[in-house]
Protein backbone atom coordinates (compact mmCIF):
# COMPACT_ATOMS: atom_id res chain seq x y z
CA UNK A 1 158.30 153.45 195.74
CA UNK A 2 161.19 151.72 197.41
CA UNK A 3 161.90 148.10 196.51
CA UNK A 4 160.14 145.49 198.63
CA UNK A 5 162.32 144.67 201.62
CA UNK A 6 163.91 148.16 201.73
CA UNK A 7 163.47 150.07 204.99
CA UNK A 8 160.12 151.86 204.91
CA UNK A 9 158.93 150.06 201.75
CA UNK A 10 155.22 149.46 201.18
CA UNK A 11 154.15 145.84 200.74
CA UNK A 12 153.02 145.30 197.14
CA UNK A 13 149.49 144.07 197.98
CA UNK A 14 148.94 147.40 199.80
CA UNK A 15 150.23 149.52 196.91
CA UNK A 16 147.23 149.45 194.60
CA UNK A 17 147.98 152.30 192.21
CA UNK A 18 144.89 151.79 190.03
CA UNK A 19 143.04 154.89 188.78
CA UNK A 20 139.75 155.52 190.53
CA UNK A 21 136.69 157.70 190.16
CA UNK A 22 136.84 161.03 191.92
CA UNK A 23 135.02 160.99 195.20
CA UNK A 24 134.37 163.96 197.43
CA UNK A 25 137.25 164.57 199.81
CA UNK A 26 137.93 166.97 202.65
CA UNK A 27 140.87 169.34 202.47
CA UNK A 28 141.04 171.77 205.35
CA UNK A 29 137.46 172.90 205.97
CA UNK A 30 136.26 172.36 202.37
CA UNK A 31 134.63 169.27 200.87
CA UNK A 32 134.56 168.81 197.09
CA UNK A 33 136.13 166.82 194.28
CA UNK A 34 139.90 167.04 194.37
CA UNK A 35 140.11 168.88 191.04
CA UNK A 36 137.98 171.64 192.53
CA UNK A 37 140.10 171.92 195.69
CA UNK A 38 143.63 172.00 194.28
CA UNK A 39 145.33 174.19 191.74
CA UNK A 40 145.73 172.52 188.33
CA UNK A 41 148.88 170.42 188.01
CA UNK A 42 150.07 167.68 185.71
CA UNK A 43 150.31 164.91 188.30
CA UNK A 44 149.15 164.32 191.88
CA UNK A 45 149.87 161.70 194.48
CA UNK A 46 146.71 161.53 196.59
CA UNK A 47 146.74 159.85 199.97
CA UNK A 48 144.58 159.71 203.07
CA UNK A 49 147.84 159.57 205.02
CA UNK A 50 150.64 162.15 204.89
CA UNK A 51 153.29 161.25 202.31
CA UNK A 52 156.81 162.18 203.31
CA UNK A 53 159.32 162.92 200.58
CA UNK A 54 161.70 160.79 202.65
CA UNK A 55 160.14 157.65 201.14
CA UNK A 56 161.59 158.65 197.76
CA UNK A 57 165.28 158.48 196.93
CA UNK A 58 167.07 161.48 195.39
CA UNK A 59 166.49 160.32 191.80
CA UNK A 60 162.77 159.84 192.47
CA UNK A 61 162.49 163.26 194.14
CA UNK A 62 164.12 164.90 191.11
CA UNK A 63 161.63 163.12 188.85
CA UNK A 64 158.69 164.26 190.99
CA UNK A 65 160.00 167.82 190.85
CA UNK A 66 160.57 167.72 187.09
CA UNK A 67 156.98 166.49 186.58
CA UNK A 68 155.64 169.16 188.97
CA UNK A 69 153.97 166.47 191.08
CA UNK A 70 151.73 167.71 193.88
CA UNK A 71 151.31 165.61 197.04
CA UNK A 72 147.74 165.85 198.32
CA UNK A 73 146.90 164.66 201.84
CA UNK A 74 143.12 164.46 202.02
CA UNK A 75 140.55 162.78 204.23
CA UNK A 76 137.24 161.14 203.43
CA UNK A 77 134.45 163.50 202.40
CA UNK A 78 133.74 165.10 205.75
CA UNK A 79 135.74 167.91 207.32
CA UNK A 80 137.26 167.43 210.73
CA UNK A 81 135.45 169.16 213.56
């Protein structure tokens, strides 16, 4: 993440980052646990809001690419109508 005070930075109290139990999420028209919806990868950034690569600087984007990080935009466990 960008340093606090940088344009577009997330306030630290809002950036939790703790691991959590897998809940059921909706991705497209399917509802399941995330591991069952996405292809296996080493790392994932999961968000209920779209994550733009623009929030990362060039060095961070290279790191994400080298780790084969997958960005997953999901919603709560009910598909949109």
